[in-house]
C-alpha atoms as a PDB file:
ATOM      1  CA  MET A   1      -0.101   0.127   0.010  1.00  0.00           C
ATOM      2  CA  LYS A   2       1.486   3.285  -0.880  1.00  0.00           C
ATOM      3  CA  GLU A   3       1.898   5.871   1.960  1.00  0.00           C
ATOM      4  CA  ASP A   4      -0.501   8.322   0.716  1.00  0.00           C
ATOM      5  CA  CYS A   5      -3.334   5.705  -0.029  1.00  0.00           C
ATOM      6  CA  HIS A   6      -6.450   6.037   2.345  1.00  0.00           C
ATOM      7  CA  GLU A   7      -7.783   2.373   1.646  1.00  0.00           C
ATOM      8  CA  SER A   8      -8.698   2.142   5.253  1.00  0.00           C
ATOM      9  CA  ILE A   9     -11.212   5.030   4.629  1.00  0.00           C
ATOM     10  CA  CYS A  10     -12.339   3.755   1.559  1.00  0.00           C
ATOM     11  CA  ASP A  11     -13.086   0.138   3.108  1.00  0.00           C
ATOM     12  CA  THR A  12     -16.307   1.123   4.787  1.00  0.00           C
ATOM     13  CA  GLU A  13     -19.739  -0.001   3.754  1.00  0.00           C
ATOM     14  CA  GLU A  14     -20.437   3.748   3.005  1.00  0.00           C
ATOM     15  CA  SER A  15     -18.215   3.476   0.044  1.00  0.00           C
ATOM     16  CA  THR A  16     -20.198   0.694  -1.592  1.00  0.00           C
ATOM     17  CA  ARG A  17     -23.215   2.439  -2.589  1.00  0.00           C
ATOM     18  CA  CYS A  18     -24.889   2.316  -5.913  1.00  0.00           C
ATOM     19  CA  LEU A  19     -22.265   4.090  -8.032  1.00  0.00           C
ATOM     20  CA  ARG A  20     -18.688   2.747  -8.440  1.00  0.00           C
ATOM     21  CA  PHE A  21     -16.727   3.951  -5.658  1.00  0.00           C
ATOM     22  CA  THR A  22     -13.852   6.390  -6.163  1.00  0.00           C
ATOM     23  CA  CYS A  23     -11.756   7.468  -3.106  1.00  0.00           C
ATOM     24  CA  PRO A  24     -12.313  11.021  -2.484  1.00  0.00           C
ATOM     25  CA  ARG A  25      -8.781  11.809  -2.138  1.00  0.00           C
ATOM     26  CA  ARG A  26      -8.289   9.780  -5.610  1.00  0.00           C
ATOM     27  CA  CYS A  27      -5.643   7.601  -4.269  1.00  0.00           C
ATOM     28  CA  CYS A  28      -4.871   3.926  -5.200  1.00  0.00           C
ATOM     29  CA  CYS A  29      -7.891   2.388  -3.701  1.00  0.00           C
ATOM     30  CA  PRO A  30      -9.497  -0.176  -5.925  1.00  0.00           C
ATOM     31  CA  PRO A  31     -13.162   0.555  -7.193  1.00  0.00           C
ATOM     32  CA  ARG A  32     -15.892  -0.897  -5.705  1.00  0.00           C
ATOM     33  CA  PRO A  33     -18.495  -2.923  -7.481  1.00  0.00           C
ATOM     34  CA  PRO A  34     -21.980  -1.632  -7.378  1.00  0.00           C
ATOM     35  CA  VAL A  35     -24.293  -3.305  -4.674  1.00  0.00           C
ATOM     36  CA  CYS A  36     -27.765  -1.800  -5.475  1.00  0.00           C
ATOM     37  CA  ASN A  37     -30.312  -3.902  -6.866  1.00  0.00           C
ATOM     38  CA  ARG A  38     -29.438  -7.014  -4.703  1.00  0.00           C
ATOM     39  CA  LYS A  39     -31.874  -9.867  -4.916  1.00  0.00           C
ATOM     40  CA  GLY A  40     -33.253 -11.542  -1.945  1.00  0.00           C
ATOM     41  CA  GLY A  41     -36.577 -12.581  -0.464  1.00  0.00           C
ATOM     42  CA  SER A  42     -38.574 -14.166   2.233  1.00  0.00           C
ATOM     43  CA  GLN A  43     -40.451 -17.240   2.941  1.00  0.00           C
ATOM     44  CA  LEU A  44     -43.103 -17.731   5.657  1.00  0.00           C
ATOM     45  CA  GLN A  45     -45.502 -20.233   6.592  1.00  0.00           C
ATOM     46  CA  LEU A  46     -48.570 -20.878   8.684  1.00  0.00           C
ATOM     47  CA  ILE A  47     -47.936 -23.983  10.943  1.00  0.00           C
ATOM     48  CA  SER A  48     -50.654 -24.678  13.709  1.00  0.00           C
ATOM     49  CA  PRO A  49     -51.471 -27.859  15.627  1.00  0.00           C
ATOM     50  CA  ALA A  50     -55.177 -26.744  16.076  1.00  0.00           C
ATOM     51  CA  LYS A  51     -57.956 -25.796  13.401  1.00  0.00           C
ATOM     52  CA  VAL A  52     -57.486 -22.505  11.852  1.00  0.00           C
ATOM     53  CA  PHE A  53     -60.607 -20.700  10.552  1.00  0.00           C
ATOM     54  CA  LEU A  54     -60.557 -17.572   8.505  1.00  0.00           C
ATOM     55  CA  ALA A  55     -63.652 -15.301   8.544  1.00  0.00           C
ATOM     56  CA  ASN A  56     -64.330 -13.352   5.340  1.00  0.00           C
ATOM     57  CA  ARG A  57     -61.811 -10.617   4.813  1.00  0.00           C
ATOM     58  CA  ASP A  58     -59.383 -11.930   7.348  1.00  0.00           C
ATOM     59  CA  ILE A  59     -55.637 -11.702   6.543  1.00  0.00           C
ATOM     60  CA  VAL A  60     -53.653 -14.821   6.675  1.00  0.00           C
ATOM     61  CA  LYS A  61     -51.067 -14.384   9.412  1.00  0.00           C
ATOM     62  CA  PHE A  62     -48.110 -16.454   8.902  1.00  0.00           C
ATOM     63  CA  ASN A  63     -46.147 -17.669  12.242  1.00  0.00           C
ATOM     64  CA  THR A  64     -42.880 -19.367  10.773  1.00  0.00           C
ATOM     65  CA  ILE A  65     -40.058 -17.528   9.327  1.00  0.00           C
ATOM     66  CA  LEU A  66     -38.112 -20.007   6.851  1.00  0.00           C
ATOM     67  CA  ASN A  67     -36.014 -17.426   5.171  1.00  0.00           C
ATOM     68  CA  LYS A  68     -35.488 -13.686   5.276  1.00  0.00           C
ATOM     69  CA  SER A  69     -32.586 -12.691   3.157  1.00  0.00           C
ATOM     70  CA  ASP A  70     -33.749  -9.245   2.103  1.00  0.00           C
ATOM     71  CA  LYS A  71     -33.918  -6.520   4.792  1.00  0.00           C
ATOM     72  CA  ASP A  72     -36.321  -4.460   2.455  1.00  0.00           C
ATOM     73  CA  ILE A  73     -39.072  -6.979   3.191  1.00  0.00           C
ATOM     74  CA  ILE A  74     -40.615  -6.497   6.364  1.00  0.00           C
ATOM     75  CA  TYR A  75     -43.450  -8.702   8.111  1.00  0.00           C
ATOM     76  CA  ASN A  76     -45.425  -7.662  10.867  1.00  0.00           C
ATOM     77  CA  SER A  77     -46.917 -10.866  12.676  1.00  0.00           C
ATOM     78  CA  GLU A  78     -49.469  -8.779  14.400  1.00  0.00           C
ATOM     79  CA  THR A  79     -51.426  -7.623  11.247  1.00  0.00           C
ATOM     80  CA  GLY A  80     -50.274 -10.037   8.706  1.00  0.00           C
ATOM     81  CA  LYS A  81     -49.150  -7.385   6.427  1.00  0.00           C
ATOM     82  CA  PHE A  82     -45.806  -7.140   4.396  1.00  0.00           C
ATOM     83  CA  THR A  83     -44.094  -4.001   3.674  1.00  0.00           C
ATOM     84  CA  LEU A  84     -41.695  -3.576   0.686  1.00  0.00           C
ATOM     85  CA  LEU A  85     -39.434  -0.813   1.659  1.00  0.00           C
ATOM     86  CA  LYS A  86     -37.767  -0.194  -1.763  1.00  0.00           C
ATOM     87  CA  PRO A  87     -39.152   0.314  -5.466  1.00  0.00           C
ATOM     88  CA  SER A  88     -38.609  -3.145  -7.280  1.00  0.00           C
ATOM     89  CA  ASN A  89     -40.136  -5.814  -9.047  1.00  0.00           C
ATOM     90  CA  TYR A  90     -41.343  -8.659  -6.550  1.00  0.00           C
ATOM     91  CA  LEU A  91     -42.622 -12.133  -7.398  1.00  0.00           C
ATOM     92  CA  VAL A  92     -44.941 -13.518  -4.889  1.00  0.00           C
ATOM     93  CA  ASN A  93     -45.950 -17.153  -4.843  1.00  0.00           C
ATOM     94  CA  TRP A  94     -48.430 -18.481  -2.205  1.00  0.00           C
ATOM     95  CA  ASN A  95     -50.351 -21.320  -1.423  1.00  0.00           C
ATOM     96  CA  ILE A  96     -52.832 -22.446   1.081  1.00  0.00           C
ATOM     97  CA  SER A  97     -54.549 -25.908   1.981  1.00  0.00           C
ATOM     98  CA  LEU A  98     -58.243 -25.607   2.502  1.00  0.00           C
ATOM     99  CA  GLU A  99     -60.765 -28.098   4.163  1.00  0.00           C
ATOM    100  CA  GLY A 100     -63.971 -26.079   3.144  1.00  0.00           C
ATOM    101  CA  THR A 101     -66.569 -23.531   3.920  1.00  0.00           C
ATOM    102  CA  ASP A 102     -70.089 -23.784   5.741  1.00  0.00           C
ATOM    103  CA  VAL A 103     -72.012 -22.281   2.660  1.00  0.00           C
ATOM    104  CA  THR A 104     -70.294 -21.285  -0.556  1.00  0.00           C
ATOM    105  CA  PRO A 105     -69.062 -24.187  -3.034  1.00  0.00           C
ATOM    106  CA  PHE A 106     -65.865 -22.398  -3.851  1.00  0.00           C
ATOM    107  CA  VAL A 107     -62.891 -20.450  -2.050  1.00  0.00           C
ATOM    108  CA  SER A 108     -61.216 -17.331  -3.126  1.00  0.00           C
ATOM    109  CA  PHE A 109     -58.148 -15.806  -1.544  1.00  0.00           C
ATOM    110  CA  SER A 110     -56.751 -12.429  -2.880  1.00  0.00           C
ATOM    111  CA  LEU A 111     -53.445 -10.711  -2.682  1.00  0.00           C
ATOM    112  CA  CYS A 112     -53.940  -7.126  -1.906  1.00  0.00           C
ATOM    113  CA  VAL A 113     -51.307  -4.344  -2.549  1.00  0.00           C
ATOM    114  CA  ASP A 114     -51.840  -1.144  -0.714  1.00  0.00           C
ATOM    115  CA  ASP A 115     -55.176  -2.349   0.346  1.00  0.00           C
ATOM    116  CA  LYS A 116     -56.369  -2.974  -3.098  1.00  0.00           C
ATOM    117  CA  ILE A 117     -56.978  -6.498  -4.632  1.00  0.00           C
ATOM    118  CA  TYR A 118     -54.077  -7.207  -7.037  1.00  0.00           C
ATOM    119  CA  GLY A 119     -55.048 -10.826  -7.939  1.00  0.00           C
ATOM    120  CA  THR A 120     -57.407 -13.358  -6.963  1.00  0.00           C
ATOM    121  CA  ALA A 121     -57.382 -17.405  -7.078  1.00  0.00           C
ATOM    122  CA  THR A 122     -60.670 -18.977  -6.945  1.00  0.00           C
ATOM    123  CA  ALA A 123     -61.301 -22.672  -6.846  1.00  0.00           C
ATOM    124  CA  PRO A 124     -64.120 -25.281  -5.851  1.00  0.00           C
ATOM    125  CA  VAL A 125     -64.190 -26.315  -2.324  1.00  0.00           C
ATOM    126  CA  ALA A 126     -63.279 -29.796  -3.522  1.00  0.00           C
ATOM    127  CA  THR A 127     -59.561 -28.493  -4.644  1.00  0.00           C
ATOM    128  CA  SER A 128     -58.274 -28.328  -1.115  1.00  0.00           C
ATOM    129  CA  PHE A 129     -55.480 -26.631  -2.482  1.00  0.00           C
ATOM    130  CA  LEU A 130     -55.292 -23.205  -3.778  1.00  0.00           C
ATOM    131  CA  SER A 131     -52.045 -21.147  -5.222  1.00  0.00           C
ATOM    132  CA  SER A 132     -51.254 -18.163  -7.227  1.00  0.00           C
ATOM    133  CA  SER A 133     -48.156 -16.045  -8.577  1.00  0.00           C
ATOM    134  CA  SER A 134     -48.153 -12.191  -8.945  1.00  0.00           C
ATOM    135  CA  LEU A 135     -45.400 -10.004 -10.348  1.00  0.00           C
ATOM    136  CA  ILE A 136     -45.741  -6.517  -8.644  1.00  0.00           C
ATOM    137  CA  THR A 137     -43.828  -3.779  -9.671  1.00  0.00           C
ATOM    138  CA  THR A 138     -43.467  -0.942  -6.803  1.00  0.00           C
ATOM    139  CA  THR A 139     -42.339   2.622  -7.505  1.00  0.00           C
ATOM    140  CA  ASN A 140     -42.746   3.989  -4.288  1.00  0.00           C
ATOM    141  CA  THR A 141     -41.290   3.151  -0.582  1.00  0.00           C
ATOM    142  CA  SER A 142     -43.581   1.414   1.900  1.00  0.00           C
ATOM    143  CA  THR A 143     -45.702  -0.664  -0.387  1.00  0.00           C
ATOM    144  CA  THR A 144     -47.971  -3.030   1.673  1.00  0.00           C
ATOM    145  CA  LEU A 145     -49.215  -6.395   0.654  1.00  0.00           C
ATOM    146  CA  GLU A 146     -51.265  -8.957   2.437  1.00  0.00           C
ATOM    147  CA  LEU A 147     -52.998 -12.350   1.531  1.00  0.00           C
ATOM    148  CA  ILE A 148     -56.868 -12.133   2.504  1.00  0.00           C
ATOM    149  CA  ASN A 149     -59.889 -14.479   2.326  1.00  0.00           C
ATOM    150  CA  THR A 150     -62.477 -13.142  -0.308  1.00  0.00           C
ATOM    151  CA  THR A 151     -64.815 -16.212  -0.256  1.00  0.00           C
ATOM    152  CA  GLY A 152     -67.591 -14.316   1.386  1.00  0.00           C
ATOM    153  CA  ASP A 153     -67.625 -17.169   4.049  1.00  0.00           C
ATOM    154  CA  THR A 154     -65.494 -18.538   6.721  1.00  0.00           C
ATOM    155  CA  VAL A 155     -62.875 -21.018   5.320  1.00  0.00           C
ATOM    156  CA  ARG A 156     -61.544 -24.005   7.413  1.00  0.00           C
ATOM    157  CA  LEU A 157     -57.694 -24.581   6.735  1.00  0.00           C
ATOM    158  CA  SER A 158     -56.704 -28.326   6.326  1.00  0.00           C
ATOM    159  CA  ASP A 159     -54.995 -30.084   9.078  1.00  0.00           C
ATOM    160  CA  VAL A 160     -51.827 -30.233   7.052  1.00  0.00           C
ATOM    161  CA  SER A 161     -48.212 -28.720   7.712  1.00  0.00           C
ATOM    162  CA  PRO A 162     -47.884 -25.843   6.424  1.00  0.00           C
ATOM    163  CA  MET A 163     -51.218 -24.765   6.216  1.00  0.00           C
ATOM    164  CA  ALA A 164     -50.178 -21.828   4.103  1.00  0.00           C
ATOM    165  CA  ASN A 165     -46.991 -20.685   2.497  1.00  0.00           C
ATOM    166  CA  ILE A 166     -45.813 -17.430   0.868  1.00  0.00           C
ATOM    167  CA  VAL A 167     -42.416 -16.564  -0.936  1.00  0.00           C
ATOM    168  CA  ILE A 168     -41.511 -12.909  -1.806  1.00  0.00           C
ATOM    169  CA  ALA A 169     -38.382 -12.424  -4.178  1.00  0.00           C
ATOM    170  CA  LYS A 170     -37.009  -9.452  -5.205  1.00  0.00           C
ATOM    171  CA  ILE A 171     -36.176  -9.925  -8.878  1.00  0.00           C
END
């Protein structure tokens, strides 16, 4: 290292922002690669030894975190809502195992983005498994999403593990 090099100053996390790094003193420090647009994601599941019932408009509340590799995807276990902190493209895959309803012959679950229905999956009650995928492009910070029962009736989840699963991946 040259005597006038400030590599120790340049070797901080601050120096690895979106643009290629150049030492402020124009010394011999090597350029840093860009680190913005990192990929990552989260996977959560609903696991319960007891029967789970979701009333119409109830949010699925996941209780087991399997993977959380992106700090920009925040999950609130009290509300069941996810917050996407950075504008990006996100692929959301979810599934839920169902036992049935008391009245309706079908089940529907919807992915809501900022409290608006973004996509809905509907199937006959006999199908016991419902899944869907959505590609979401966010352009603002603090976008929220949640998975809700939009059947119009209370839904009983199956006695399997997991009862529900969701994967949110930044792509």
